[in-house]
Amino acid sequence: MPKKTPIFPGPNTARGAVLAVLLSNEDQLGSEPLRGRITLAAIVRALKRKYHWPIETESFPSNSADGRATWATVYSLPAEVITKALNAGGRDWLKSRKAGASGDPGM
């Protein structure tokens, strides 16, 4: 089955916020668009299934703040996917996120 081309979600959505972090290779730490609304795992699942982003998942044992054993999960995009996405309109998409976040009435 041929791979589908990834699709950019709305720039100012929770999915857009997560994808922006993945494209920039920055850490995601429960940013405001995610708190109390939907889990990061659910957003990643939608980005993989509905938007066709080949997000990689790595889980490993960790400790919670109160010392309990738990699992931590890291999500990432392969470097070649990031490069291809940025060259295929991703830079403009990221700029549209910044313009929308600043309250630019032109967006």
PDB file of N, CA and C in Angstrom:
ATOM      1  N   MET A   1       0.842  -1.172   0.000  1.00  0.00           N
ATOM      2  CA  MET A   1       0.000   0.000   0.000  1.00  0.00           C
ATOM      3  C   MET A   1       0.895   1.245   0.000  1.00  0.00           C
ATOM      4  N   PRO A   2       0.704   2.179  -0.931  1.00  0.00           N
ATOM      5  CA  PRO A   2       1.564   3.362  -0.998  1.00  0.00           C
ATOM      6  C   PRO A   2       1.334   4.281   0.198  1.00  0.00           C
ATOM      7  N   LYS A   3       2.408   4.959   0.598  1.00  0.00           N
ATOM      8  CA  LYS A   3       2.310   5.909   1.698  1.00  0.00           C
ATOM      9  C   LYS A   3       1.524   7.129   1.246  1.00  0.00           C
ATOM     10  N   LYS A   4       0.699   7.646   2.137  1.00  0.00           N
ATOM     11  CA  LYS A   4      -0.063   8.844   1.840  1.00  0.00           C
ATOM     12  C   LYS A   4       0.755  10.065   2.232  1.00  0.00           C
ATOM     13  N   THR A   5       0.569  11.158   1.510  1.00  0.00           N
ATOM     14  CA  THR A   5       1.256  12.399   1.805  1.00  0.00           C
ATOM     15  C   THR A   5       0.671  13.019   3.065  1.00  0.00           C
ATOM     16  N   PRO A   6       1.525  13.406   4.019  1.00  0.00           N
ATOM     17  CA  PRO A   6       1.008  14.038   5.234  1.00  0.00           C
ATOM     18  C   PRO A   6       0.257  15.337   4.918  1.00  0.00           C
ATOM     19  N   ILE A   7      -0.763  15.598   5.730  1.00  0.00           N
ATOM     20  CA  ILE A   7      -1.605  16.788   5.580  1.00  0.00           C
ATOM     21  C   ILE A   7      -1.396  17.657   6.812  1.00  0.00           C
ATOM     22  N   PHE A   8      -1.318  18.961   6.607  1.00  0.00           N
ATOM     23  CA  PHE A   8      -1.194  19.886   7.736  1.00  0.00           C
ATOM     24  C   PHE A   8      -2.581  20.156   8.318  1.00  0.00           C
ATOM     25  N   PRO A   9      -2.750  20.000   9.640  1.00  0.00           N
ATOM     26  CA  PRO A   9      -4.039  20.335  10.264  1.00  0.00           C
ATOM     27  C   PRO A   9      -4.176  21.856  10.356  1.00  0.00           C
ATOM     28  N   GLY A  10      -5.320  22.319  10.831  1.00  0.00           N
ATOM     29  CA  GLY A  10      -5.500  23.756  11.043  1.00  0.00           C
ATOM     30  C   GLY A  10      -4.362  24.282  11.902  1.00  0.00           C
ATOM     31  N   PRO A  11      -3.780  25.404  11.525  1.00  0.00           N
ATOM     32  CA  PRO A  11      -2.599  25.885  12.236  1.00  0.00           C
ATOM     33  C   PRO A  11      -2.835  26.249  13.698  1.00  0.00           C
ATOM     34  N   ASN A  12      -4.027  26.670  14.055  1.00  0.00           N
ATOM     35  CA  ASN A  12      -4.286  27.114  15.426  1.00  0.00           C
ATOM     36  C   ASN A  12      -5.168  26.153  16.205  1.00  0.00           C
ATOM     37  N   THR A  13      -4.973  24.854  15.943  1.00  0.00           N
ATOM     38  CA  THR A  13      -5.689  23.806  16.655  1.00  0.00           C
ATOM     39  C   THR A  13      -4.710  23.082  17.581  1.00  0.00           C
ATOM     40  N   ALA A  14      -5.227  22.247  18.466  1.00  0.00           N
ATOM     41  CA  ALA A  14      -4.352  21.443  19.323  1.00  0.00           C
ATOM     42  C   ALA A  14      -3.480  20.521  18.467  1.00  0.00           C
ATOM     43  N   ARG A  15      -4.057  19.970  17.398  1.00  0.00           N
ATOM     44  CA  ARG A  15      -3.264  19.120  16.491  1.00  0.00           C
ATOM     45  C   ARG A  15      -2.159  19.931  15.841  1.00  0.00           C
ATOM     46  N   GLY A  16      -2.483  21.158  15.455  1.00  0.00           N
ATOM     47  CA  GLY A  16      -1.482  22.045  14.864  1.00  0.00           C
ATOM     48  C   GLY A  16      -0.373  22.376  15.853  1.00  0.00           C
ATOM     49  N   ALA A  17      -0.736  22.589  17.108  1.00  0.00           N
ATOM     50  CA  ALA A  17       0.258  22.899  18.137  1.00  0.00           C
ATOM     51  C   ALA A  17       1.235  21.743  18.318  1.00  0.00           C
ATOM     52  N   VAL A  18       0.706  20.525  18.353  1.00  0.00           N
ATOM     53  CA  VAL A  18       1.556  19.348  18.535  1.00  0.00           C
ATOM     54  C   VAL A  18       2.433  19.147  17.301  1.00  0.00           C
ATOM     55  N   LEU A  19       1.865  19.268  16.119  1.00  0.00           N
ATOM     56  CA  LEU A  19       2.660  19.099  14.901  1.00  0.00           C
ATOM     57  C   LEU A  19       3.758  20.152  14.818  1.00  0.00           C
ATOM     58  N   ALA A  20       3.468  21.373  15.222  1.00  0.00           N
ATOM     59  CA  ALA A  20       4.486  22.431  15.200  1.00  0.00           C
ATOM     60  C   ALA A  20       5.673  22.060  16.084  1.00  0.00           C
ATOM     61  N   VAL A  21       5.397  21.476  17.242  1.00  0.00           N
ATOM     62  CA  VAL A  21       6.479  21.043  18.130  1.00  0.00           C
ATOM     63  C   VAL A  21       7.273  19.917  17.471  1.00  0.00           C
ATOM     64  N   LEU A  22       6.579  18.972  16.867  1.00  0.00           N
ATOM     65  CA  LEU A  22       7.272  17.858  16.202  1.00  0.00           C
ATOM     66  C   LEU A  22       8.133  18.344  15.043  1.00  0.00           C
ATOM     67  N   LEU A  23       7.636  19.301  14.285  1.00  0.00           N
ATOM     68  CA  LEU A  23       8.405  19.822  13.145  1.00  0.00           C
ATOM     69  C   LEU A  23       9.605  20.645  13.602  1.00  0.00           C
ATOM     70  N   SER A  24       9.506  21.257  14.768  1.00  0.00           N
ATOM     71  CA  SER A  24      10.611  22.078  15.256  1.00  0.00           C
ATOM     72  C   SER A  24      11.586  21.284  16.107  1.00  0.00           C
ATOM     73  N   ASN A  25      11.261  20.033  16.399  1.00  0.00           N
ATOM     74  CA  ASN A  25      12.101  19.174  17.237  1.00  0.00           C
ATOM     75  C   ASN A  25      12.233  19.705  18.664  1.00  0.00           C
ATOM     76  N   GLU A  26      11.249  20.488  19.136  1.00  0.00           N
ATOM     77  CA  GLU A  26      11.256  20.997  20.502  1.00  0.00           C
ATOM     78  C   GLU A  26      10.541  20.012  21.420  1.00  0.00           C
ATOM     79  N   ASP A  27      10.757  20.159  22.712  1.00  0.00           N
ATOM     80  CA  ASP A  27      10.066  19.317  23.684  1.00  0.00           C
ATOM     81  C   ASP A  27       8.640  19.809  23.879  1.00  0.00           C
ATOM     82  N   GLN A  28       7.711  18.883  24.042  1.00  0.00           N
ATOM     83  CA  GLN A  28       6.307  19.187  24.327  1.00  0.00           C
ATOM     84  C   GLN A  28       6.066  18.904  25.797  1.00  0.00           C
ATOM     85  N   LEU A  29       5.674  19.906  26.541  1.00  0.00           N
ATOM     86  CA  LEU A  29       5.458  19.717  27.972  1.00  0.00           C
ATOM     87  C   LEU A  29       4.066  20.184  28.381  1.00  0.00           C
ATOM     88  N   GLY A  30       3.037  19.535  27.912  1.00  0.00           N
ATOM     89  CA  GLY A  30       1.685  19.861  28.336  1.00  0.00           C
ATOM     90  C   GLY A  30       1.304  21.302  28.093  1.00  0.00           C
ATOM     91  N   SER A  31       1.490  21.772  26.900  1.00  0.00           N
ATOM     92  CA  SER A  31       1.203  23.168  26.585  1.00  0.00           C
ATOM     93  C   SER A  31      -0.263  23.498  26.806  1.00  0.00           C
ATOM     94  N   GLU A  32      -0.585  24.744  26.897  1.00  0.00           N
ATOM     95  CA  GLU A  32      -1.944  25.196  27.201  1.00  0.00           C
ATOM     96  C   GLU A  32      -3.030  24.568  26.322  1.00  0.00           C
ATOM     97  N   PRO A  33      -2.836  24.419  24.982  1.00  0.00           N
ATOM     98  CA  PRO A  33      -3.931  23.857  24.186  1.00  0.00           C
ATOM     99  C   PRO A  33      -4.291  22.423  24.564  1.00  0.00           C
ATOM    100  N   LEU A  34      -3.444  21.738  25.327  1.00  0.00           N
ATOM    101  CA  LEU A  34      -3.689  20.340  25.628  1.00  0.00           C
ATOM    102  C   LEU A  34      -4.253  20.113  27.033  1.00  0.00           C
ATOM    103  N   ARG A  35      -3.984  20.983  27.952  1.00  0.00           N
ATOM    104  CA  ARG A  35      -4.373  20.766  29.349  1.00  0.00           C
ATOM    105  C   ARG A  35      -5.879  20.666  29.500  1.00  0.00           C
ATOM    106  N   GLY A  36      -6.326  19.519  30.027  1.00  0.00           N
ATOM    107  CA  GLY A  36      -7.716  19.337  30.371  1.00  0.00           C
ATOM    108  C   GLY A  36      -8.661  19.080  29.211  1.00  0.00           C
ATOM    109  N   ARG A  37      -8.197  19.078  28.006  1.00  0.00           N
ATOM    110  CA  ARG A  37      -9.090  18.889  26.865  1.00  0.00           C
ATOM    111  C   ARG A  37      -8.989  17.506  26.264  1.00  0.00           C
ATOM    112  N   ILE A  38      -7.801  17.140  25.883  1.00  0.00           N
ATOM    113  CA  ILE A  38      -7.581  15.887  25.169  1.00  0.00           C
ATOM    114  C   ILE A  38      -6.148  15.449  25.445  1.00  0.00           C
ATOM    115  N   THR A  39      -5.905  14.163  25.405  1.00  0.00           N
ATOM    116  CA  THR A  39      -4.554  13.697  25.703  1.00  0.00           C
ATOM    117  C   THR A  39      -3.631  13.875  24.496  1.00  0.00           C
ATOM    118  N   LEU A  40      -2.372  13.995  24.793  1.00  0.00           N
ATOM    119  CA  LEU A  40      -1.373  14.077  23.734  1.00  0.00           C
ATOM    120  C   LEU A  40      -1.407  12.821  22.876  1.00  0.00           C
ATOM    121  N   ALA A  41      -1.608  11.672  23.507  1.00  0.00           N
ATOM    122  CA  ALA A  41      -1.662  10.412  22.757  1.00  0.00           C
ATOM    123  C   ALA A  41      -2.809  10.412  21.748  1.00  0.00           C
ATOM    124  N   ALA A  42      -3.945  10.975  22.114  1.00  0.00           N
ATOM    125  CA  ALA A  42      -5.083  11.036  21.189  1.00  0.00           C
ATOM    126  C   ALA A  42      -4.787  11.958  20.009  1.00  0.00           C
ATOM    127  N   ILE A  43      -4.104  13.051  20.273  1.00  0.00           N
ATOM    128  CA  ILE A  43      -3.745  13.970  19.191  1.00  0.00           C
ATOM    129  C   ILE A  43      -2.750  13.304  18.249  1.00  0.00           C
ATOM    130  N   VAL A  44      -1.756  12.633  18.811  1.00  0.00           N
ATOM    131  CA  VAL A  44      -0.758  11.938  17.985  1.00  0.00           C
ATOM    132  C   VAL A  44      -1.446  10.862  17.142  1.00  0.00           C
ATOM    133  N   ARG A  45      -2.382  10.150  17.733  1.00  0.00           N
ATOM    134  CA  ARG A  45      -3.111   9.119  16.978  1.00  0.00           C
ATOM    135  C   ARG A  45      -3.836   9.742  15.783  1.00  0.00           C
ATOM    136  N   ALA A  46      -4.490  10.886  15.989  1.00  0.00           N
ATOM    137  CA  ALA A  46      -5.187  11.562  14.886  1.00  0.00           C
ATOM    138  C   ALA A  46      -4.193  12.036  13.831  1.00  0.00           C
ATOM    139  N   LEU A  47      -3.059  12.581  14.258  1.00  0.00           N
ATOM    140  CA  LEU A  47      -2.052  13.030  13.285  1.00  0.00           C
ATOM    141  C   LEU A  47      -1.528  11.862  12.457  1.00  0.00           C
ATOM    142  N   LYS A  48      -1.425  10.689  13.073  1.00  0.00           N
ATOM    143  CA  LYS A  48      -0.950   9.508  12.349  1.00  0.00           C
ATOM    144  C   LYS A  48      -2.020   8.965  11.398  1.00  0.00           C
ATOM    145  N   ARG A  49      -3.231   8.817  11.900  1.00  0.00           N
ATOM    146  CA  ARG A  49      -4.281   8.156  11.119  1.00  0.00           C
ATOM    147  C   ARG A  49      -4.996   9.081  10.137  1.00  0.00           C
ATOM    148  N   LYS A  50      -5.410  10.233  10.597  1.00  0.00           N
ATOM    149  CA  LYS A  50      -6.200  11.137   9.758  1.00  0.00           C
ATOM    150  C   LYS A  50      -5.337  12.032   8.875  1.00  0.00           C
ATOM    151  N   TYR A  51      -4.172  12.425   9.401  1.00  0.00           N
ATOM    152  CA  TYR A  51      -3.315  13.370   8.676  1.00  0.00           C
ATOM    153  C   TYR A  51      -2.064  12.712   8.087  1.00  0.00           C
ATOM    154  N   HIS A  52      -1.865  11.436   8.341  1.00  0.00           N
ATOM    155  CA  HIS A  52      -0.815  10.612   7.712  1.00  0.00           C
ATOM    156  C   HIS A  52       0.619  11.003   8.076  1.00  0.00           C
ATOM    157  N   TRP A  53       0.832  11.540   9.272  1.00  0.00           N
ATOM    158  CA  TRP A  53       2.187  11.873   9.705  1.00  0.00           C
ATOM    159  C   TRP A  53       2.828  10.619  10.305  1.00  0.00           C
ATOM    160  N   PRO A  54       4.045  10.246   9.860  1.00  0.00           N
ATOM    161  CA  PRO A  54       4.710   9.027  10.356  1.00  0.00           C
ATOM    162  C   PRO A  54       5.418   9.276  11.691  1.00  0.00           C
ATOM    163  N   ILE A  55       4.640   9.556  12.709  1.00  0.00           N
ATOM    164  CA  ILE A  55       5.180   9.878  14.027  1.00  0.00           C
ATOM    165  C   ILE A  55       5.697   8.602  14.680  1.00  0.00           C
ATOM    166  N   GLU A  56       6.908   8.688  15.195  1.00  0.00           N
ATOM    167  CA  GLU A  56       7.521   7.567  15.888  1.00  0.00           C
ATOM    168  C   GLU A  56       7.271   7.708  17.385  1.00  0.00           C
ATOM    169  N   THR A  57       7.074   6.581  18.056  1.00  0.00           N
ATOM    170  CA  THR A  57       6.770   6.562  19.482  1.00  0.00           C
ATOM    171  C   THR A  57       7.798   5.713  20.204  1.00  0.00           C
ATOM    172  N   GLU A  58       8.306   6.241  21.316  1.00  0.00           N
ATOM    173  CA  GLU A  58       9.233   5.476  22.149  1.00  0.00           C
ATOM    174  C   GLU A  58       8.778   5.615  23.594  1.00  0.00           C
ATOM    175  N   SER A  59       8.488   4.507  24.240  1.00  0.00           N
ATOM    176  CA  SER A  59       8.074   4.504  25.643  1.00  0.00           C
ATOM    177  C   SER A  59       9.145   3.839  26.491  1.00  0.00           C
ATOM    178  N   PHE A  60       9.302   4.342  27.715  1.00  0.00           N
ATOM    179  CA  PHE A  60      10.312   3.794  28.608  1.00  0.00           C
ATOM    180  C   PHE A  60       9.872   4.006  30.054  1.00  0.00           C
ATOM    181  N   PRO A  61      10.387   3.165  30.983  1.00  0.00           N
ATOM    182  CA  PRO A  61      10.022   3.323  32.387  1.00  0.00           C
ATOM    183  C   PRO A  61      10.553   4.636  32.941  1.00  0.00           C
ATOM    184  N   SER A  62       9.780   5.225  33.849  1.00  0.00           N
ATOM    185  CA  SER A  62      10.142   6.504  34.439  1.00  0.00           C
ATOM    186  C   SER A  62       9.577   6.558  35.853  1.00  0.00           C
ATOM    187  N   ASN A  63       9.781   7.661  36.536  1.00  0.00           N
ATOM    188  CA  ASN A  63       9.201   7.882  37.861  1.00  0.00           C
ATOM    189  C   ASN A  63       8.371   9.147  37.814  1.00  0.00           C
ATOM    190  N   SER A  64       7.224   9.115  38.495  1.00  0.00           N
ATOM    191  CA  SER A  64       6.395  10.314  38.583  1.00  0.00           C
ATOM    192  C   SER A  64       6.972  11.246  39.649  1.00  0.00           C
ATOM    193  N   ALA A  65       6.435  12.444  39.734  1.00  0.00           N
ATOM    194  CA  ALA A  65       6.932  13.429  40.696  1.00  0.00           C
ATOM    195  C   ALA A  65       6.819  12.927  42.136  1.00  0.00           C
ATOM    196  N   ASP A  66       5.830  12.082  42.408  1.00  0.00           N
ATOM    197  CA  ASP A  66       5.670  11.571  43.770  1.00  0.00           C
ATOM    198  C   ASP A  66       6.409  10.250  44.009  1.00  0.00           C
ATOM    199  N   GLY A  67       7.243   9.848  43.035  1.00  0.00           N
ATOM    200  CA  GLY A  67       8.085   8.672  43.215  1.00  0.00           C
ATOM    201  C   GLY A  67       7.517   7.362  42.706  1.00  0.00           C
ATOM    202  N   ARG A  68       6.274   7.366  42.237  1.00  0.00           N
ATOM    203  CA  ARG A  68       5.695   6.131  41.710  1.00  0.00           C
ATOM    204  C   ARG A  68       6.308   5.785  40.359  1.00  0.00           C
ATOM    205  N   ALA A  69       6.390   4.481  40.088  1.00  0.00           N
ATOM    206  CA  ALA A  69       6.886   4.020  38.789  1.00  0.00           C
ATOM    207  C   ALA A  69       5.800   4.251  37.739  1.00  0.00           C
ATOM    208  N   THR A  70       6.185   4.684  36.578  1.00  0.00           N
ATOM    209  CA  THR A  70       5.248   4.957  35.488  1.00  0.00           C
ATOM    210  C   THR A  70       5.972   4.775  34.158  1.00  0.00           C
ATOM    211  N   TRP A  71       5.319   5.104  33.088  1.00  0.00           N
ATOM    212  CA  TRP A  71       5.928   5.059  31.760  1.00  0.00           C
ATOM    213  C   TRP A  71       5.914   6.455  31.164  1.00  0.00           C
ATOM    214  N   ALA A  72       6.960   6.787  30.460  1.00  0.00           N
ATOM    215  CA  ALA A  72       7.037   8.051  29.730  1.00  0.00           C
ATOM    216  C   ALA A  72       7.062   7.718  28.239  1.00  0.00           C
ATOM    217  N   THR A  73       6.475   8.576  27.431  1.00  0.00           N
ATOM    218  CA  THR A  73       6.450   8.358  25.987  1.00  0.00           C
ATOM    219  C   THR A  73       6.969   9.600  25.285  1.00  0.00           C
ATOM    220  N   VAL A  74       7.829   9.359  24.310  1.00  0.00           N
ATOM    221  CA  VAL A  74       8.384  10.438  23.500  1.00  0.00           C
ATOM    222  C   VAL A  74       7.915  10.241  22.073  1.00  0.00           C
ATOM    223  N   TYR A  75       7.441  11.313  21.463  1.00  0.00           N
ATOM    224  CA  TYR A  75       6.987  11.287  20.074  1.00  0.00           C
ATOM    225  C   TYR A  75       7.958  12.104  19.236  1.00  0.00           C
ATOM    226  N   SER A  76       8.225  11.633  18.011  1.00  0.00           N
ATOM    227  CA  SER A  76       9.134  12.370  17.130  1.00  0.00           C
ATOM    228  C   SER A  76       8.822  12.053  15.674  1.00  0.00           C
ATOM    229  N   LEU A  77       9.338  12.907  14.813  1.00  0.00           N
ATOM    230  CA  LEU A  77       9.285  12.684  13.370  1.00  0.00           C
ATOM    231  C   LEU A  77      10.698  12.440  12.877  1.00  0.00           C
ATOM    232  N   PRO A  78      10.887  11.529  11.928  1.00  0.00           N
ATOM    233  CA  PRO A  78      12.218  11.334  11.358  1.00  0.00           C
ATOM    234  C   PRO A  78      12.719  12.632  10.706  1.00  0.00           C
ATOM    235  N   ALA A  79      14.014  12.855  10.772  1.00  0.00           N
ATOM    236  CA  ALA A  79      14.609  14.086  10.241  1.00  0.00           C
ATOM    237  C   ALA A  79      14.253  14.311   8.774  1.00  0.00           C
ATOM    238  N   GLU A  80      14.228  13.238   7.984  1.00  0.00           N
ATOM    239  CA  GLU A  80      13.927  13.409   6.553  1.00  0.00           C
ATOM    240  C   GLU A  80      12.476  13.824   6.328  1.00  0.00           C
ATOM    241  N   VAL A  81      11.580  13.397   7.217  1.00  0.00           N
ATOM    242  CA  VAL A  81      10.170  13.804   7.121  1.00  0.00           C
ATOM    243  C   VAL A  81      10.044  15.288   7.451  1.00  0.00           C
ATOM    244  N   ILE A  82      10.766  15.740   8.475  1.00  0.00           N
ATOM    245  CA  ILE A  82      10.741  17.150   8.854  1.00  0.00           C
ATOM    246  C   ILE A  82      11.244  18.009   7.701  1.00  0.00           C
ATOM    247  N   THR A  83      12.374  17.631   7.133  1.00  0.00           N
ATOM    248  CA  THR A  83      12.949  18.394   6.016  1.00  0.00           C
ATOM    249  C   THR A  83      11.988  18.460   4.837  1.00  0.00           C
ATOM    250  N   LYS A  84      11.424  17.325   4.475  1.00  0.00           N
ATOM    251  CA  LYS A  84      10.492  17.277   3.345  1.00  0.00           C
ATOM    252  C   LYS A  84       9.249  18.125   3.628  1.00  0.00           C
ATOM    253  N   ALA A  85       8.724  18.045   4.849  1.00  0.00           N
ATOM    254  CA  ALA A  85       7.527  18.813   5.207  1.00  0.00           C
ATOM    255  C   ALA A  85       7.798  20.312   5.187  1.00  0.00           C
ATOM    256  N   LEU A  86       8.940  20.723   5.721  1.00  0.00           N
ATOM    257  CA  LEU A  86       9.268  22.148   5.718  1.00  0.00           C
ATOM    258  C   LEU A  86       9.428  22.690   4.313  1.00  0.00           C
ATOM    259  N   ASN A  87       9.972  21.870   3.424  1.00  0.00           N
ATOM    260  CA  ASN A  87      10.157  22.285   2.032  1.00  0.00           C
ATOM    261  C   ASN A  87       8.870  22.221   1.214  1.00  0.00           C
ATOM    262  N   ALA A  88       7.851  21.548   1.752  1.00  0.00           N
ATOM    263  CA  ALA A  88       6.582  21.392   1.023  1.00  0.00           C
ATOM    264  C   ALA A  88       5.480  22.252   1.647  1.00  0.00           C
ATOM    265  N   GLY A  89       5.833  23.430   2.094  1.00  0.00           N
ATOM    266  CA  GLY A  89       4.840  24.353   2.638  1.00  0.00           C
ATOM    267  C   GLY A  89       4.837  24.446   4.147  1.00  0.00           C
ATOM    268  N   GLY A  90       5.645  23.658   4.807  1.00  0.00           N
ATOM    269  CA  GLY A  90       5.668  23.651   6.270  1.00  0.00           C
ATOM    270  C   GLY A  90       6.150  24.942   6.887  1.00  0.00           C
ATOM    271  N   ARG A  91       7.099  25.605   6.261  1.00  0.00           N
ATOM    272  CA  ARG A  91       7.590  26.880   6.796  1.00  0.00           C
ATOM    273  C   ARG A  91       6.472  27.923   6.787  1.00  0.00           C
ATOM    274  N   ASP A  92       5.733  27.980   5.687  1.00  0.00           N
ATOM    275  CA  ASP A  92       4.608  28.921   5.608  1.00  0.00           C
ATOM    276  C   ASP A  92       3.524  28.548   6.618  1.00  0.00           C
ATOM    277  N   TRP A  93       3.281  27.257   6.794  1.00  0.00           N
ATOM    278  CA  TRP A  93       2.289  26.796   7.755  1.00  0.00           C
ATOM    279  C   TRP A  93       2.689  27.221   9.168  1.00  0.00           C
ATOM    280  N   LEU A  94       3.977  27.054   9.511  1.00  0.00           N
ATOM    281  CA  LEU A  94       4.461  27.477  10.827  1.00  0.00           C
ATOM    282  C   LEU A  94       4.324  28.986  11.007  1.00  0.00           C
ATOM    283  N   LYS A  95       4.623  29.747   9.958  1.00  0.00           N
ATOM    284  CA  LYS A  95       4.462  31.210  10.024  1.00  0.00           C
ATOM    285  C   LYS A  95       3.004  31.583  10.250  1.00  0.00           C
ATOM    286  N   SER A  96       2.082  30.851   9.626  1.00  0.00           N
ATOM    287  CA  SER A  96       0.661  31.151   9.799  1.00  0.00           C
ATOM    288  C   SER A  96       0.229  30.887  11.246  1.00  0.00           C
ATOM    289  N   ARG A  97       0.853  29.931  11.915  1.00  0.00           N
ATOM    290  CA  ARG A  97       0.568  29.677  13.336  1.00  0.00           C
ATOM    291  C   ARG A  97       0.996  30.870  14.174  1.00  0.00           C
ATOM    292  N   LYS A  98       2.192  31.382  13.901  1.00  0.00           N
ATOM    293  CA  LYS A  98       2.703  32.525  14.669  1.00  0.00           C
ATOM    294  C   LYS A  98       1.851  33.762  14.413  1.00  0.00           C
ATOM    295  N   ALA A  99       1.458  33.961  13.158  1.00  0.00           N
ATOM    296  CA  ALA A  99       0.643  35.134  12.833  1.00  0.00           C
ATOM    297  C   ALA A  99      -0.721  35.029  13.512  1.00  0.00           C
ATOM    298  N   GLY A 100      -1.309  33.840  13.525  1.00  0.00           N
ATOM    299  CA  GLY A 100      -2.604  33.640  14.169  1.00  0.00           C
ATOM    300  C   GLY A 100      -2.528  33.791  15.673  1.00  0.00           C
ATOM    301  N   ALA A 101      -1.420  33.368  16.256  1.00  0.00           N
ATOM    302  CA  ALA A 101      -1.246  33.462  17.712  1.00  0.00           C
ATOM    303  C   ALA A 101      -1.037  34.895  18.155  1.00  0.00           C
ATOM    304  N   SER A 102      -0.490  35.728  17.278  1.00  0.00           N
ATOM    305  CA  SER A 102      -0.235  37.117  17.653  1.00  0.00           C
ATOM    306  C   SER A 102      -1.470  37.987  17.478  1.00  0.00           C
ATOM    307  N   GLY A 103      -2.560  37.389  16.999  1.00  0.00           N
ATOM    308  CA  GLY A 103      -3.789  38.149  16.830  1.00  0.00           C
ATOM    309  C   GLY A 103      -3.825  38.958  15.558  1.00  0.00           C
ATOM    310  N   ASP A 104      -3.013  38.591  14.586  1.00  0.00           N
ATOM    311  CA  ASP A 104      -2.985  39.285  13.304  1.00  0.00           C
ATOM    312  C   ASP A 104      -4.357  39.199  12.651  1.00  0.00           C
ATOM    313  N   PRO A 105      -5.038  40.312  12.423  1.00  0.00           N
ATOM    314  CA  PRO A 105      -6.374  40.258  11.840  1.00  0.00           C
ATOM    315  C   PRO A 105      -6.375  39.757  10.407  1.00  0.00           C
ATOM    316  N   GLY A 106      -5.208  39.674   9.782  1.00  0.00           N
ATOM    317  CA  GLY A 106      -5.125  39.202   8.408  1.00  0.00           C
ATOM    318  C   GLY A 106      -5.227  37.702   8.292  1.00  0.00           C
ATOM    319  N   MET A 107      -5.230  37.000   9.415  1.00  0.00           N
ATOM    320  CA  MET A 107      -5.274  35.545   9.375  1.00  0.00           C
ATOM    321  C   MET A 107      -6.654  35.033   9.567  1.00  0.00           C
TER     322      MET A 107
END
